[in-house]
Amino acid sequence: MNMDEKLFHYYLELKSPEAGEWNSSPPCIHTELVTRDYVRKAFPITDEMQVCNVGIGTGDWDDYLGYWLKGKGNLTSIDIDIEICEIFSYRQQKERHPNPSEVLCKNIFDLDLPIEKYDLVTLIGSAIHETGDFKKCLDSCFRLLKHGGYLMFMSSLKYPIELVYEYIRNSSCLLEQKDVYEVFPEYSFYICKVKK
C-alpha cells in the first residue's frame, strides 16, 4: 500500500464505527476545546520557542500546537509507532501545514533523545498510560525540558492525580497549576502545569 492509500485509510478510520462515535461526542469535543484553550492561556509564546509533544495519536493535538506557535517556534512530536509517525508526517506535508512538526520515531525512554532542549513538553490523554511506567515517563519528559521549562500534563481522572502529587513531592519540580474538569462525569480529567 502506498502512502496516499494509507492516508486515505487514515481519514476513513477517523469516522469508523470504532472511533467516529467518540471523536464526534460532546465529551471528546469538550476535552479538545479545554486542552487547546489551556495551552493558549497558560503558556505565552516566545520567539524561537521549542515545544515537544509526547505521543502523536491522531495528530490533531500536534496540528493545533503547530498552528498555535504561529511560526514563532518549533514543534517536535515523538511517538514509538513508525506507522503513526509516517502517516502524520505525510499528512502534514499533503495538507501543507504551515508549521509542520519535526517527527521523531522514538521511545520516550530512549537515552539519545535531546536533553534540556524544550521550553514546553506536553503529555496528554492516554500517552503516559501507554508507556507502562508513570515515574519513568515523567522523568523522561523532564529530561527533555530546559531548566525553567514546563510540562503540561493532561490525563483522565481514572489515572489518579495523587500519582502526580507523589512524583512532585519526590522531585525538584513545582506544581504551578492544577485544574480539574468534571463537566462530563464519564470523562473527567485534569491538567497540570509543572515547572522544572
Protein backbone atom coordinates (compact mmCIF):
# COMPACT_ATOMS: atom_id res chain seq x y z
CA MET A 1 0.00 0.00 0.00
CA ASN A 2 1.46 3.38 -1.00
CA MET A 3 1.34 6.48 1.25
CA ASP A 4 -1.68 8.00 -0.50
CA GLU A 5 -3.66 4.82 0.15
CA LYS A 6 -2.50 4.77 3.78
CA LEU A 7 -3.57 8.40 4.15
CA PHE A 8 -6.99 7.63 2.67
CA HIS A 9 -7.45 4.77 5.15
CA TYR A 10 -6.34 7.06 7.98
CA TYR A 11 -9.12 9.55 7.10
CA LEU A 12 -11.68 6.74 6.87
CA GLU A 13 -10.66 5.31 10.25
CA LEU A 14 -11.37 8.65 11.96
CA LYS A 15 -15.06 8.17 11.11
CA SER A 16 -15.16 4.40 11.53
CA PRO A 17 -17.71 2.87 13.95
CA GLU A 18 -14.92 2.23 16.46
CA ALA A 19 -13.53 5.78 16.52
CA GLY A 20 -16.19 8.01 14.97
CA GLU A 21 -18.71 7.86 17.80
CA TRP A 22 -16.12 9.01 20.36
CA ASN A 23 -14.43 11.54 18.03
CA SER A 24 -17.75 13.33 17.43
CA SER A 25 -19.05 13.07 21.01
CA PRO A 26 -19.57 16.10 23.29
CA PRO A 27 -17.04 14.79 25.90
CA CYS A 28 -14.35 14.44 23.21
CA ILE A 29 -15.02 17.86 21.71
CA HIS A 30 -15.14 19.44 25.19
CA THR A 31 -11.81 17.83 26.12
CA GLU A 32 -10.17 19.10 22.92
CA LEU A 33 -11.55 22.61 23.42
CA VAL A 34 -10.45 22.84 27.07
CA THR A 35 -6.98 21.42 26.38
CA ARG A 36 -6.34 23.76 23.45
CA ASP A 37 -7.61 26.76 25.40
CA TYR A 38 -5.46 25.78 28.38
CA VAL A 39 -2.16 25.73 26.45
CA ARG A 40 -3.06 29.03 24.79
CA LYS A 41 -3.72 30.76 28.12
CA ALA A 42 -1.13 29.10 30.38
CA PHE A 43 1.99 29.36 28.21
CA PRO A 44 2.98 32.58 26.44
CA ILE A 45 4.65 32.03 23.08
CA THR A 46 8.20 33.31 22.85
CA ASP A 47 10.42 33.71 19.79
CA GLU A 48 12.23 30.50 18.90
CA MET A 49 10.12 28.60 21.45
CA GLN A 50 10.85 24.86 21.40
CA VAL A 51 7.85 22.62 22.12
CA CYS A 52 7.68 18.83 22.24
CA ASN A 53 4.62 16.60 22.32
CA VAL A 54 4.94 13.02 23.52
CA GLY A 55 2.55 10.62 21.75
CA ILE A 56 1.12 11.66 18.37
CA GLY A 57 -2.05 9.54 18.23
CA THR A 58 -4.28 11.03 15.51
CA GLY A 59 -2.02 14.10 15.31
CA ASP A 60 -4.81 16.62 15.97
CA TRP A 61 -3.09 17.98 19.08
CA ASP A 62 0.23 18.27 17.23
CA ASP A 63 -1.51 20.06 14.34
CA TYR A 64 -3.01 22.53 16.81
CA LEU A 65 0.33 23.14 18.55
CA GLY A 66 1.94 23.94 15.20
CA TYR A 67 -0.79 26.49 14.42
CA TRP A 68 -0.59 27.89 17.96
CA LEU A 69 3.14 28.53 17.61
CA LYS A 70 2.36 30.64 14.52
CA GLY A 71 5.80 30.15 13.04
CA LYS A 72 7.46 31.74 16.10
CA GLY A 73 8.50 28.39 17.50
CA ASN A 74 9.16 24.82 16.53
CA LEU A 75 7.35 21.62 17.42
CA THR A 76 8.83 18.16 17.81
CA SER A 77 6.47 15.19 18.00
CA ILE A 78 7.66 11.90 19.49
CA ASP A 79 5.97 8.53 19.02
CA ILE A 80 7.21 4.95 19.14
CA ASP A 81 4.87 3.73 16.36
CA ILE A 82 6.57 4.03 12.95
CA GLU A 83 3.28 3.88 11.04
CA ILE A 84 1.79 6.72 13.11
CA CYS A 85 4.94 8.79 12.55
CA GLU A 86 4.98 8.15 8.80
CA ILE A 87 1.31 8.91 8.20
CA PHE A 88 1.41 12.02 10.42
CA SER A 89 4.45 13.45 8.59
CA TYR A 90 2.95 12.62 5.20
CA ARG A 91 -0.45 14.06 6.13
CA GLN A 92 1.05 17.34 7.34
CA GLN A 93 3.03 17.56 4.10
CA LYS A 94 -0.02 16.84 1.89
CA GLU A 95 -2.23 19.25 3.87
CA ARG A 96 0.55 21.87 3.66
CA HIS A 97 0.62 22.56 7.37
CA PRO A 98 2.29 26.00 7.75
CA ASN A 99 4.41 24.97 10.76
CA PRO A 100 4.88 21.19 10.47
CA SER A 101 6.30 19.11 13.26
CA GLU A 102 9.71 17.51 13.31
CA VAL A 103 8.78 13.89 13.92
CA LEU A 104 10.99 11.59 15.98
CA CYS A 105 10.06 7.92 15.83
CA LYS A 106 11.46 7.06 19.24
CA ASN A 107 10.52 5.62 22.58
CA ILE A 108 10.24 8.34 25.24
CA PHE A 109 12.66 6.21 27.29
CA ASP A 110 15.40 6.34 24.60
CA LEU A 111 18.52 7.93 26.05
CA ASP A 112 19.51 9.55 22.75
CA LEU A 113 16.59 11.99 22.79
CA PRO A 114 17.56 15.67 23.12
CA ILE A 115 18.39 16.72 26.69
CA GLU A 116 17.23 20.08 28.07
CA LYS A 117 16.14 21.33 24.64
CA TYR A 118 12.48 22.26 25.11
CA ASP A 119 10.65 25.15 26.75
CA LEU A 120 7.41 23.15 26.91
CA VAL A 121 6.67 19.42 26.80
CA THR A 122 3.07 18.25 26.51
CA LEU A 123 1.88 14.84 27.62
CA ILE A 124 -1.85 14.44 27.16
CA GLY A 125 -4.53 11.77 27.14
CA SER A 126 -3.51 8.15 27.36
CA ALA A 127 0.15 8.67 26.39
CA ILE A 128 1.54 8.17 29.90
CA HIS A 129 -0.60 5.07 30.45
CA GLU A 130 0.62 3.58 27.18
CA THR A 131 4.26 3.89 28.24
CA GLY A 132 3.59 1.49 31.12
CA ASP A 133 5.75 3.37 33.65
CA PHE A 134 4.37 6.58 35.17
CA LYS A 135 7.52 7.73 37.00
CA LYS A 136 9.96 6.79 34.25
CA CYS A 137 7.80 8.59 31.68
CA LEU A 138 7.73 11.80 33.73
CA ASP A 139 11.49 11.50 34.35
CA SER A 140 12.00 11.27 30.59
CA CYS A 141 9.76 14.28 29.92
CA PHE A 142 11.62 16.41 32.47
CA ARG A 143 14.95 15.33 30.95
CA LEU A 144 13.75 16.90 27.67
CA LEU A 145 12.97 20.24 29.37
CA LYS A 146 15.30 23.19 29.79
CA HIS A 147 15.72 24.42 33.36
CA GLY A 148 12.69 26.64 33.97
CA GLY A 149 10.69 24.88 31.26
CA TYR A 150 7.21 23.46 31.74
CA LEU A 151 5.43 20.16 31.46
CA MET A 152 1.74 20.33 30.55
CA PHE A 153 0.25 17.05 31.74
CA MET A 154 -3.35 16.14 30.98
CA SER A 155 -4.99 12.87 31.97
CA SER A 156 -8.31 11.27 32.80
CA LEU A 157 -9.19 11.18 36.49
CA LYS A 158 -9.08 7.40 36.08
CA TYR A 159 -5.31 7.93 36.28
CA PRO A 160 -5.11 9.29 39.85
CA ILE A 161 -3.82 12.80 40.32
CA GLU A 162 -2.26 11.62 43.59
CA LEU A 163 0.44 9.97 41.46
CA VAL A 164 1.38 13.44 40.15
CA TYR A 165 1.49 14.85 43.68
CA GLU A 166 3.70 12.00 44.84
CA TYR A 167 6.06 12.44 41.90
CA ILE A 168 6.39 16.18 42.54
CA ARG A 169 6.99 15.66 46.29
CA ASN A 170 9.96 13.46 45.41
CA SER A 171 11.44 15.82 42.82
CA SER A 172 12.63 19.40 42.48
CA CYS A 173 9.67 20.26 40.22
CA LEU A 174 7.00 22.78 41.14
CA LEU A 175 3.27 22.28 40.52
CA GLU A 176 2.18 25.76 39.46
CA GLN A 177 -1.38 25.00 38.43
CA LYS A 178 -3.85 22.13 38.56
CA ASP A 179 -7.34 22.26 37.12
CA VAL A 180 -9.99 19.53 37.24
CA TYR A 181 -12.75 19.35 34.63
CA GLU A 182 -15.86 17.34 35.51
CA VAL A 183 -18.44 18.70 33.05
CA PHE A 184 -18.84 15.18 31.66
CA PRO A 185 -18.57 12.72 34.58
CA GLU A 186 -17.94 9.84 32.17
CA TYR A 187 -14.75 11.62 31.05
CA SER A 188 -13.48 13.81 33.87
CA PHE A 189 -9.90 14.95 33.52
CA TYR A 190 -7.25 17.22 34.94
CA ILE A 191 -4.48 19.41 33.53
CA CYS A 192 -1.32 20.26 35.45
CA LYS A 193 1.31 22.90 34.74
CA VAL A 194 4.60 21.76 36.26
CA LYS A 195 7.82 23.77 36.23
CA LYS A 196 11.24 22.11 36.09
